[in-house]
Amino acid sequence: MAIFSSLAGFFNRNKRRIFITSAVTFSIYLLVNEFVIKKFRNYQNALRQEFMFKQQIRQRFISTQQDCYYTILALLPVLAQPIVDALPVDLITQALRLKKGHQQQQQQQPSSSQVASGSNSELTTDNLNLLDNNNNPQSQLSVYMNKSKAELWNLLKIKTITRTLTLMYSISGLLLISRLQMNILARRSYLESAIVMAGVKNPNNDIDPHENYIIEQSYLSLSWWLLNKGWANLSTLIENLVIDKFESVSPKTEIGVFDFELILTEIIEEINTNNKQFVLDNLFPIKYPDLLETILNTNSDVIHQLDIPDSNLTKLINETSSIMSDNNLYFFDLLNQLIVTNLHTLTSNLSSNLSTTSNSLMMSDTLPDQQNQQNQLQSSSSKIIELDNKPYKLASFLAQLSVQNGIMINNNDDVVGANDEDDFESMIKNLNGGQGIAGDGYGAHELSGNVYINTLNSLDELENFSAGIYSNFE
């Protein structure tokens, strides 16, 4: 009892202090729980959400780049066929082959009495084709059959090199434009879904989903301009420069792979230095008349949106044009790097297929102002590109360029075989005095799949550009 009495006395004497201490302790507990522990939990949740947010962005970004890659492969035939038809290397080659066969037959033609007795044996397939095409003025082949062999060789030289450079520019441009468009749309789609998840009212909520889909498809369809008009304008410019650079080079002229690369580099530099805006105008319909023509040929139902400054389609087009024209976003520099990368891939393949010995391998230095670009290319491809500068007849280059064109437009994993250059090989043997093209198994071991697209698609600079567009949430 004495103990309880002493405790009661202690409580009575210190009642005020006990109440104050208890109140302060409870307040501190509430304060810690409310502002420290809860803040810590909120911070943990924020970190978790930020991690999930970054993961979603990353996954969507990777998916977008993969979609772009497969889109390019799907569009390759659409891009390539008009270029191949407009620059008919195969027809010119066939005309040369038929003329060669006809000339050989005339040299070996027997006497008139033997001709009369054995005329049926001389109706070979080549002769029948030759006669049929000469008798048909509407035939495309007949146009070339009426030209001399010298004229045909000159045409073959110009058209083959022009086709190669046109494909390089068109493929590089299509890849870059597709990356730009698809990353803009992917970022836009992600922002809309993020706004919905956050419970914030979406200012674009009143847009019908179907209408939004039509707008996005119409925006992607603007690649029609490059696929149908742009490449042709670029090809005309390229052909004029090819004629100027290769006018004095005959099919029998010997030239090294490194020297051949330098000439093509000069053409590319002249295009990019003096015709920058012309190139951009033909990659994407920046000018209103070009845009109008493209919309009319793809989806005329949305043409009224071009006259609405704040329409979604107009915003997408304006953003694309702005990025292409903004020097700080290095769009044109990246395009040039893609083209130079294509050139290095081309000359590397030429060197590999034309060279006969590894003792003459040398480093390709290109021009001084492109050394940094070459170093970046070597770093990206994880290999050193070596070029054999041993001289070869230009005709040998033309044969290999035809094979490389086939690889450029290849959109599957089939191996490009030696049959693609049979016509060229027979003519080059004639030019070389019966000697075949240097190298054993010429053309029989080409790379599987499209090494040009794969090399471009793996460039770090292209990935960085795509990431910059995708992550621009302003």
Protein backbone atom coordinates (compact mmCIF):
# COMPACT_ATOMS: atom_id res chain seq x y z
CA MET A 1 0.00 0.00 0.00
CA ALA A 2 2.92 2.28 0.72
CA ILE A 3 4.09 1.81 -2.84
CA PHE A 4 0.74 2.85 -4.34
CA SER A 5 0.62 5.83 -1.99
CA SER A 6 4.09 6.94 -3.09
CA LEU A 7 3.19 6.55 -6.78
CA ALA A 8 0.00 8.52 -6.30
CA GLY A 9 1.93 11.21 -4.51
CA PHE A 10 4.55 11.28 -7.29
CA PHE A 11 1.79 11.54 -9.95
CA ASN A 12 0.07 14.37 -8.05
CA ARG A 13 3.29 16.27 -7.64
CA ASN A 14 4.34 15.82 -11.35
CA LYS A 15 0.93 15.67 -12.98
CA ARG A 16 1.55 18.75 -15.07
CA ARG A 17 4.94 17.55 -16.31
CA ILE A 18 3.60 14.08 -17.13
CA PHE A 19 0.74 15.52 -19.22
CA ILE A 20 3.10 17.84 -21.09
CA THR A 21 5.64 15.07 -21.73
CA SER A 22 2.94 12.68 -22.97
CA ALA A 23 1.49 15.31 -25.26
CA VAL A 24 4.91 16.16 -26.69
CA THR A 25 5.79 12.48 -27.19
CA PHE A 26 2.49 11.75 -28.92
CA SER A 27 2.90 14.82 -31.11
CA ILE A 28 6.40 13.76 -32.07
CA TYR A 29 5.09 10.28 -32.95
CA LEU A 30 2.33 11.74 -35.11
CA LEU A 31 4.82 14.10 -36.72
CA VAL A 32 7.28 11.31 -37.49
CA ASN A 33 4.55 9.01 -38.78
CA GLU A 34 2.89 11.69 -40.86
CA PHE A 35 5.85 13.53 -42.30
CA VAL A 36 8.79 11.15 -42.14
CA ILE A 37 7.52 7.60 -42.50
CA LYS A 38 4.74 8.56 -44.88
CA LYS A 39 7.12 10.74 -46.89
CA PHE A 40 9.56 7.84 -47.08
CA ARG A 41 6.82 5.51 -48.30
CA ASN A 42 5.68 8.08 -50.83
CA TYR A 43 9.28 8.41 -52.01
CA GLN A 44 9.51 4.65 -52.40
CA ASN A 45 6.29 4.61 -54.41
CA ALA A 46 7.55 7.48 -56.56
CA LEU A 47 10.78 5.61 -57.27
CA ARG A 48 8.82 2.49 -58.14
CA GLN A 49 6.52 4.42 -60.46
CA GLU A 50 9.46 6.21 -62.06
CA PHE A 51 11.17 2.86 -62.66
CA MET A 52 7.99 1.45 -64.21
CA PHE A 53 7.62 4.63 -66.27
CA LYS A 54 11.18 4.31 -67.61
CA GLN A 55 10.68 0.61 -68.32
CA GLN A 56 7.50 1.31 -70.26
CA ILE A 57 9.23 4.06 -72.24
CA ARG A 58 12.16 1.76 -72.97
CA GLN A 59 9.97 -1.15 -74.05
CA ARG A 60 7.85 1.05 -76.27
CA PHE A 61 10.95 2.66 -77.73
CA ILE A 62 12.51 -0.70 -78.60
CA SER A 63 9.22 -1.88 -80.08
CA THR A 64 8.97 1.28 -82.18
CA GLN A 65 12.46 0.83 -83.64
CA GLN A 66 11.69 -2.80 -84.48
CA ASP A 67 8.46 -1.75 -86.16
CA CYS A 68 10.40 0.80 -88.17
CA TYR A 69 12.93 -1.83 -89.27
CA TYR A 70 10.24 -4.18 -90.55
CA THR A 71 8.39 -1.28 -92.17
CA ILE A 72 11.52 -0.41 -94.16
CA LEU A 73 11.90 -4.02 -95.31
CA ALA A 74 8.24 -4.06 -96.36
CA LEU A 75 8.60 -0.80 -98.30
CA LEU A 76 11.82 -1.78 -100.09
CA PRO A 77 10.07 -3.42 -103.08
CA VAL A 78 7.78 -0.39 -103.41
CA LEU A 79 10.80 1.91 -103.44
CA ALA A 80 13.09 -0.24 -105.55
CA GLN A 81 10.88 -1.34 -108.44
CA PRO A 82 10.33 2.14 -109.97
CA ILE A 83 14.06 2.89 -109.61
CA VAL A 84 15.01 -0.36 -111.33
CA ASP A 85 12.47 0.29 -114.11
CA ALA A 86 13.60 3.88 -114.64
CA LEU A 87 17.27 2.90 -114.78
CA PRO A 88 17.02 -0.30 -116.88
CA VAL A 89 20.48 -1.75 -116.38
CA ASP A 90 19.17 -5.25 -117.08
CA LEU A 91 17.70 -4.24 -120.45
CA ILE A 92 20.92 -2.54 -121.50
CA THR A 93 22.88 -5.61 -120.42
CA GLN A 94 20.57 -7.85 -122.42
CA ALA A 95 20.97 -5.67 -125.49
CA LEU A 96 24.76 -5.84 -125.18
CA ARG A 97 24.64 -9.60 -124.77
CA LEU A 98 22.41 -10.03 -127.82
CA LYS A 99 24.61 -7.75 -129.91
CA LYS A 100 27.68 -9.68 -128.84
CA GLY A 101 26.04 -13.00 -129.71
CA HIS A 102 24.84 -11.67 -133.05
CA GLN A 103 28.31 -10.34 -133.87
CA GLN A 104 29.97 -13.66 -133.00
CA GLN A 105 27.45 -15.51 -135.12
CA GLN A 106 28.11 -13.24 -138.10
CA GLN A 107 31.85 -13.87 -137.78
CA GLN A 108 31.31 -17.62 -137.75
CA GLN A 109 28.54 -17.62 -140.40
CA PRO A 110 29.07 -20.36 -143.08
CA SER A 111 28.78 -19.96 -146.83
CA SER A 112 25.47 -19.24 -148.49
CA SER A 113 24.97 -22.88 -149.56
CA GLN A 114 25.54 -24.06 -145.98
CA VAL A 115 23.16 -21.40 -144.74
CA ALA A 116 20.46 -22.64 -147.04
CA SER A 117 20.88 -26.24 -145.91
CA GLY A 118 21.25 -25.53 -142.21
CA SER A 119 19.16 -22.45 -141.60
CA ASN A 120 17.02 -24.16 -139.00
CA SER A 121 20.04 -24.87 -136.80
CA GLU A 122 20.87 -21.20 -136.63
CA LEU A 123 17.55 -20.06 -135.16
CA THR A 124 18.93 -19.86 -131.66
CA THR A 125 17.00 -18.38 -128.77
CA ASP A 126 19.15 -15.24 -128.77
CA ASN A 127 18.61 -14.73 -132.49
CA LEU A 128 14.85 -15.16 -132.15
CA ASN A 129 14.80 -12.66 -129.28
CA LEU A 130 16.90 -10.28 -131.32
CA LEU A 131 14.61 -10.55 -134.35
CA ASP A 132 11.45 -10.27 -132.30
CA ASN A 133 12.60 -7.13 -130.51
CA ASN A 134 13.95 -5.47 -133.64
CA ASN A 135 10.65 -6.10 -135.42
CA ASN A 136 8.64 -4.68 -132.53
CA PRO A 137 9.13 -0.90 -132.36
CA GLN A 138 7.09 -0.79 -129.11
CA SER A 139 9.57 -3.01 -127.30
CA GLN A 140 11.79 -1.30 -124.75
CA LEU A 141 14.63 -3.57 -125.76
CA SER A 142 14.37 -2.48 -129.39
CA VAL A 143 15.29 1.07 -128.34
CA TYR A 144 18.63 -0.20 -127.03
CA MET A 145 19.16 -2.66 -129.86
CA ASN A 146 19.27 0.29 -132.28
CA LYS A 147 22.25 1.77 -130.42
CA SER A 148 25.90 0.92 -130.98
CA LYS A 149 27.89 -1.13 -128.50
CA ALA A 150 29.85 1.96 -127.47
CA GLU A 151 26.62 3.84 -126.76
CA LEU A 152 25.27 0.90 -124.81
CA TRP A 153 28.41 0.61 -122.69
CA ASN A 154 28.25 4.33 -121.92
CA LEU A 155 24.57 4.04 -120.98
CA LEU A 156 25.30 1.01 -118.83
CA LYS A 157 28.05 2.91 -117.01
CA ILE A 158 25.87 5.95 -116.28
CA LYS A 159 22.69 4.06 -115.39
CA THR A 160 24.40 1.53 -113.13
CA ILE A 161 26.25 4.12 -111.05
CA THR A 162 23.21 6.41 -110.99
CA ARG A 163 21.00 3.56 -109.82
CA THR A 164 23.47 2.69 -107.06
CA LEU A 165 23.62 6.24 -105.69
CA THR A 166 19.86 6.72 -106.08
CA LEU A 167 19.21 3.59 -104.03
CA MET A 168 21.70 4.73 -101.39
CA TYR A 169 20.04 8.13 -101.03
CA SER A 170 16.48 6.77 -101.18
CA ILE A 171 17.03 3.94 -98.70
CA SER A 172 18.88 6.21 -96.26
CA GLY A 173 16.20 8.89 -96.57
CA LEU A 174 13.33 6.42 -96.18
CA LEU A 175 14.90 4.89 -93.08
CA LEU A 176 15.51 8.27 -91.45
CA ILE A 177 12.08 9.69 -92.30
CA SER A 178 10.37 6.52 -91.06
CA ARG A 179 12.31 6.66 -87.79
CA LEU A 180 11.32 10.29 -87.35
CA GLN A 181 7.62 9.76 -88.10
CA MET A 182 7.17 6.59 -86.08
CA ASN A 183 8.95 7.97 -83.01
CA ILE A 184 6.84 11.12 -83.10
CA LEU A 185 3.68 8.99 -83.20
CA ALA A 186 4.94 6.60 -80.52
CA ARG A 187 5.73 9.49 -78.18
CA ARG A 188 2.32 11.00 -78.86
CA SER A 189 0.56 7.70 -78.17
CA TYR A 190 2.50 7.17 -74.95
CA LEU A 191 1.72 10.65 -73.65
CA GLU A 192 -1.99 10.15 -74.28
CA SER A 193 -2.03 6.83 -72.42
CA ALA A 194 0.05 8.29 -69.57
CA ILE A 195 -2.43 11.17 -69.19
CA VAL A 196 -5.31 8.72 -69.01
CA MET A 197 -3.51 6.60 -66.38
CA ALA A 198 -2.76 9.71 -64.31
CA GLY A 199 -6.45 10.61 -64.25
CA VAL A 200 -5.84 13.99 -65.87
CA LYS A 201 -8.34 15.25 -68.40
CA ASN A 202 -6.95 14.78 -71.89
CA PRO A 203 -7.43 17.88 -74.06
CA ASN A 204 -7.69 15.57 -77.08
CA ASN A 205 -10.39 13.45 -75.46
CA ASP A 206 -13.02 14.70 -77.87
CA ILE A 207 -11.19 13.19 -80.85
CA ASP A 208 -12.80 10.03 -82.16
CA PRO A 209 -10.33 7.08 -81.95
CA HIS A 210 -11.11 6.06 -85.51
CA GLU A 211 -10.50 9.60 -86.74
CA ASN A 212 -7.24 9.68 -84.82
CA TYR A 213 -6.21 6.42 -86.48
CA ILE A 214 -6.98 7.87 -89.92
CA ILE A 215 -4.87 10.95 -89.13
CA GLU A 216 -1.90 8.85 -88.04
CA GLN A 217 -2.13 6.62 -91.10
CA SER A 218 -2.39 9.68 -93.35
CA TYR A 219 0.70 11.10 -91.68
CA LEU A 220 2.67 7.88 -92.23
CA SER A 221 1.45 7.78 -95.83
CA LEU A 222 3.38 10.97 -96.54
CA SER A 223 6.32 8.69 -97.40
CA TRP A 224 4.43 8.38 -100.71
CA TRP A 225 6.28 11.49 -101.82
CA LEU A 226 9.72 9.89 -101.57
CA LEU A 227 8.50 6.54 -102.90
CA ASN A 228 6.89 8.07 -105.98
CA LYS A 229 8.35 11.50 -106.69
CA GLY A 230 11.32 12.27 -104.50
CA TRP A 231 13.60 9.47 -105.69
CA ALA A 232 13.03 10.49 -109.32
CA ASN A 233 14.06 14.10 -108.64
CA LEU A 234 17.12 12.91 -106.73
CA SER A 235 17.98 10.49 -109.53
CA THR A 236 17.97 13.28 -112.12
CA LEU A 237 20.37 15.34 -110.02
CA ILE A 238 22.61 12.32 -109.38
CA GLU A 239 22.70 11.28 -113.04
CA ASN A 240 23.91 14.70 -114.16
CA LEU A 241 26.78 14.53 -111.66
CA VAL A 242 27.62 10.95 -112.63
CA ILE A 243 27.83 11.95 -116.29
CA ASP A 244 30.16 14.80 -115.35
CA LYS A 245 32.45 12.61 -113.19
CA PHE A 246 32.52 9.47 -115.36
CA GLU A 247 32.26 10.97 -118.84
CA SER A 248 35.92 10.25 -119.66
CA VAL A 249 36.01 6.83 -117.97
CA SER A 250 35.46 3.96 -120.41
CA PRO A 251 34.51 0.39 -119.43
CA LYS A 252 38.12 -0.68 -120.14
CA THR A 253 39.58 2.05 -117.90
CA GLU A 254 41.30 0.56 -114.87
CA ILE A 255 40.55 2.06 -111.48
CA GLY A 256 41.14 1.05 -107.86
CA VAL A 257 38.36 0.54 -105.32
CA PHE A 258 39.73 3.35 -103.18
CA ASP A 259 39.81 5.73 -106.19
CA PHE A 260 36.30 4.64 -107.16
CA GLU A 261 35.14 5.43 -103.63
CA LEU A 262 36.72 8.89 -103.85
CA ILE A 263 34.80 9.71 -107.02
CA LEU A 264 31.50 8.64 -105.47
CA THR A 265 32.40 10.62 -102.34
CA GLU A 266 32.93 13.73 -104.48
CA ILE A 267 29.48 13.28 -106.00
CA ILE A 268 27.89 12.87 -102.56
CA GLU A 269 29.71 15.93 -101.22
CA GLU A 270 28.61 18.05 -104.16
CA ILE A 271 24.99 16.99 -103.68
CA ASN A 272 25.03 17.66 -99.95
CA THR A 273 26.91 20.94 -100.21
CA ASN A 274 25.02 22.60 -103.04
CA ASN A 275 21.62 20.89 -102.90
CA LYS A 276 20.78 20.46 -99.21
CA GLN A 277 17.30 21.94 -99.39
CA PHE A 278 16.60 20.10 -102.64
CA VAL A 279 17.40 16.79 -100.93
CA LEU A 280 15.20 17.59 -97.92
CA ASP A 281 12.33 18.67 -100.18
CA ASN A 282 12.40 15.27 -101.87
CA LEU A 283 12.52 13.18 -98.70
CA PHE A 284 9.34 14.64 -97.23
CA PRO A 285 6.67 16.93 -98.74
CA ILE A 286 7.78 20.11 -96.99
CA LYS A 287 6.41 22.44 -99.66
CA TYR A 288 2.64 22.92 -99.65
CA PRO A 289 2.08 21.94 -103.34
CA ASP A 290 4.03 18.71 -102.75
CA LEU A 291 2.07 18.07 -99.56
CA LEU A 292 -1.20 18.69 -101.38
CA GLU A 293 -0.28 16.26 -104.16
CA THR A 294 0.74 13.61 -101.63
CA ILE A 295 -2.50 13.89 -99.62
CA LEU A 296 -4.57 13.75 -102.82
CA ASN A 297 -2.84 10.52 -103.81
CA THR A 298 -3.01 8.88 -100.39
CA ASN A 299 -6.09 10.04 -98.46
CA SER A 300 -7.99 12.96 -99.93
CA ASP A 301 -10.59 12.77 -97.14
CA VAL A 302 -8.23 14.54 -94.72
CA ILE A 303 -7.17 17.29 -97.10
CA HIS A 304 -9.36 19.83 -95.29
CA GLN A 305 -7.14 19.45 -92.19
CA LEU A 306 -4.28 21.12 -94.01
CA ASP A 307 -6.17 24.41 -93.79
CA ILE A 308 -6.67 24.10 -90.02
CA PRO A 309 -3.53 25.41 -88.25
CA ASP A 310 -4.14 23.49 -85.01
CA SER A 311 -5.38 20.21 -86.49
CA ASN A 312 -3.50 17.09 -85.39
CA LEU A 313 -2.34 16.32 -88.92
CA THR A 314 -1.02 19.86 -89.38
CA LYS A 315 0.80 19.69 -86.03
CA LEU A 316 2.47 16.39 -87.00
CA ILE A 317 3.55 17.74 -90.38
CA ASN A 318 4.85 20.99 -88.91
CA GLU A 319 6.84 19.17 -86.24
CA THR A 320 8.41 16.87 -88.83
CA SER A 321 9.34 19.75 -91.11
CA SER A 322 10.72 21.72 -88.17
CA ILE A 323 12.98 18.85 -87.08
CA MET A 324 14.25 18.32 -90.62
CA SER A 325 15.10 22.00 -91.02
CA ASP A 326 16.59 22.56 -87.55
CA ASN A 327 20.39 22.48 -87.79
CA ASN A 328 20.66 21.86 -84.04
CA LEU A 329 18.91 18.51 -84.46
CA TYR A 330 21.50 17.44 -87.07
CA PHE A 331 18.90 15.70 -89.27
CA PHE A 332 20.75 16.42 -92.51
CA ASP A 333 24.13 15.53 -90.99
CA LEU A 334 22.70 12.20 -89.90
CA LEU A 335 21.30 11.62 -93.38
CA ASN A 336 24.76 12.28 -94.80
CA GLN A 337 26.27 9.82 -92.33
CA LEU A 338 23.77 7.14 -93.38
CA ILE A 339 24.73 7.68 -97.03
CA VAL A 340 28.46 7.58 -96.23
CA THR A 341 27.87 4.39 -94.24
CA ASN A 342 26.15 2.88 -97.26
CA LEU A 343 29.11 3.93 -99.40
CA HIS A 344 31.59 2.27 -97.05
CA THR A 345 29.52 -0.91 -97.01
CA LEU A 346 29.44 -0.84 -100.81
CA THR A 347 33.17 -0.31 -101.29
CA SER A 348 33.96 -2.90 -98.63
CA ASN A 349 31.90 -5.46 -100.54
CA LEU A 350 33.47 -4.39 -103.84
CA SER A 351 36.94 -4.80 -102.39
CA SER A 352 36.07 -8.20 -100.96
CA ASN A 353 34.69 -9.50 -104.25
CA LEU A 354 37.21 -7.96 -106.62
CA SER A 355 40.42 -8.54 -104.72
CA THR A 356 42.68 -11.49 -105.52
CA THR A 357 45.23 -11.17 -102.74
CA SER A 358 45.33 -9.90 -99.18
CA ASN A 359 48.85 -8.46 -99.56
CA SER A 360 47.58 -5.28 -101.18
CA LEU A 361 44.97 -4.42 -98.52
CA MET A 362 45.11 -0.85 -97.28
CA MET A 363 43.09 1.43 -95.06
CA SER A 364 40.45 3.65 -96.72
CA ASP A 365 41.21 7.22 -95.60
CA THR A 366 38.48 9.04 -97.60
CA LEU A 367 38.62 12.82 -97.43
CA PRO A 368 40.03 14.63 -94.34
CA ASP A 369 36.73 16.10 -93.26
CA GLN A 370 35.16 12.66 -93.24
CA GLN A 371 37.74 10.97 -91.03
CA ASN A 372 35.60 11.41 -87.91
CA GLN A 373 32.63 9.85 -89.69
CA GLN A 374 34.74 6.86 -90.72
CA ASN A 375 35.98 6.40 -87.14
CA GLN A 376 32.38 6.39 -85.93
CA LEU A 377 31.44 3.88 -88.61
CA GLN A 378 34.29 1.57 -87.65
CA SER A 379 33.29 1.80 -83.99
CA SER A 380 29.66 1.03 -84.81
CA SER A 381 30.40 -1.93 -87.06
CA SER A 382 33.14 -3.29 -84.74
CA LYS A 383 35.45 -3.97 -87.64
CA ILE A 384 38.09 -2.23 -89.75
CA ILE A 385 37.13 -1.75 -93.36
CA GLU A 386 40.05 -2.36 -95.69
CA LEU A 387 40.06 -1.55 -99.37
CA ASP A 388 42.11 -3.10 -102.11
CA ASN A 389 43.28 -0.37 -104.48
CA LYS A 390 44.50 -2.75 -107.13
CA PRO A 391 43.16 -1.45 -110.47
CA TYR A 392 40.24 -3.22 -112.15
CA LYS A 393 38.38 -2.42 -115.34
CA LEU A 394 35.33 -0.26 -114.79
CA ALA A 395 33.26 -3.04 -116.38
CA SER A 396 34.14 -5.24 -113.40
CA PHE A 397 32.82 -2.54 -111.07
CA LEU A 398 29.58 -2.32 -113.08
CA ALA A 399 29.03 -6.06 -112.71
CA GLN A 400 29.58 -5.93 -108.97
CA LEU A 401 27.45 -2.80 -108.58
CA SER A 402 24.57 -4.68 -110.19
CA VAL A 403 25.00 -7.46 -107.63
CA GLN A 404 25.20 -4.95 -104.75
CA ASN A 405 22.03 -3.23 -105.98
CA GLY A 406 20.29 -6.58 -105.62
CA ILE A 407 21.51 -6.83 -102.03
CA MET A 408 20.40 -3.25 -101.27
CA ILE A 409 16.80 -4.00 -102.25
CA ASN A 410 16.70 -7.48 -100.75
CA ASN A 411 14.00 -7.58 -98.06
CA ASN A 412 14.40 -11.19 -96.96
CA ASP A 413 17.16 -13.53 -95.86
CA ASP A 414 17.75 -15.22 -99.20
CA VAL A 415 21.36 -15.45 -100.30
CA VAL A 416 22.21 -13.50 -103.41
CA GLY A 417 23.79 -15.99 -105.77
CA ALA A 418 26.10 -15.82 -108.74
CA ASN A 419 23.30 -16.06 -111.28
CA ASP A 420 22.55 -12.35 -110.91
CA GLU A 421 25.64 -11.36 -112.89
CA ASP A 422 25.84 -14.07 -115.58
CA ASP A 423 25.11 -11.58 -118.36
CA PHE A 424 27.74 -9.16 -117.09
CA GLU A 425 30.36 -11.84 -116.66
CA SER A 426 30.25 -12.95 -120.28
CA MET A 427 30.71 -9.38 -121.50
CA ILE A 428 33.53 -8.66 -119.07
CA LYS A 429 35.34 -11.79 -120.17
CA ASN A 430 35.23 -10.34 -123.66
CA LEU A 431 36.62 -7.00 -122.43
CA ASN A 432 39.37 -8.77 -120.49
CA GLY A 433 40.44 -10.81 -123.49
CA GLY A 434 38.82 -14.00 -122.29
CA GLN A 435 39.84 -13.59 -118.64
CA GLY A 436 37.13 -13.81 -116.03
CA ILE A 437 36.62 -11.38 -113.21
CA ALA A 438 39.38 -11.56 -110.65
CA GLY A 439 38.73 -13.84 -107.74
CA ASP A 440 37.61 -17.42 -107.36
CA GLY A 441 33.92 -18.06 -106.99
CA TYR A 442 33.04 -14.54 -108.07
CA GLY A 443 29.72 -13.52 -106.58
CA ALA A 444 29.06 -16.96 -105.11
CA HIS A 445 29.47 -16.00 -101.48
CA GLU A 446 27.44 -12.83 -101.08
CA LEU A 447 26.22 -11.80 -97.64
CA SER A 448 22.91 -13.23 -96.56
CA GLY A 449 20.11 -10.73 -96.04
CA ASN A 450 20.33 -6.98 -96.47
CA VAL A 451 23.68 -5.94 -95.00
CA TYR A 452 23.03 -2.32 -96.02
CA ILE A 453 19.81 -1.97 -94.00
CA ASN A 454 21.23 -3.93 -91.08
CA THR A 455 24.36 -1.75 -90.93
CA LEU A 456 22.35 1.47 -91.02
CA ASN A 457 19.89 0.19 -88.44
CA SER A 458 22.68 -0.58 -85.97
CA LEU A 459 24.27 2.89 -86.03
CA ASP A 460 24.45 4.46 -82.57
CA GLU A 461 23.86 7.92 -84.04
CA LEU A 462 20.55 6.79 -85.55
CA GLU A 463 19.52 5.27 -82.23
CA ASN A 464 20.43 8.47 -80.37
CA PHE A 465 18.45 10.57 -82.84
CA SER A 466 15.40 8.32 -82.43
CA ALA A 467 15.71 8.47 -78.63
CA GLY A 468 15.91 12.25 -78.74
CA ILE A 469 12.70 12.48 -80.77
CA TYR A 470 10.88 9.90 -78.67
CA SER A 471 11.81 11.45 -75.31
CA ASN A 472 10.98 15.04 -76.26
CA PHE A 473 7.92 15.48 -74.02
CA GLU A 474 7.69 19.24 -74.28
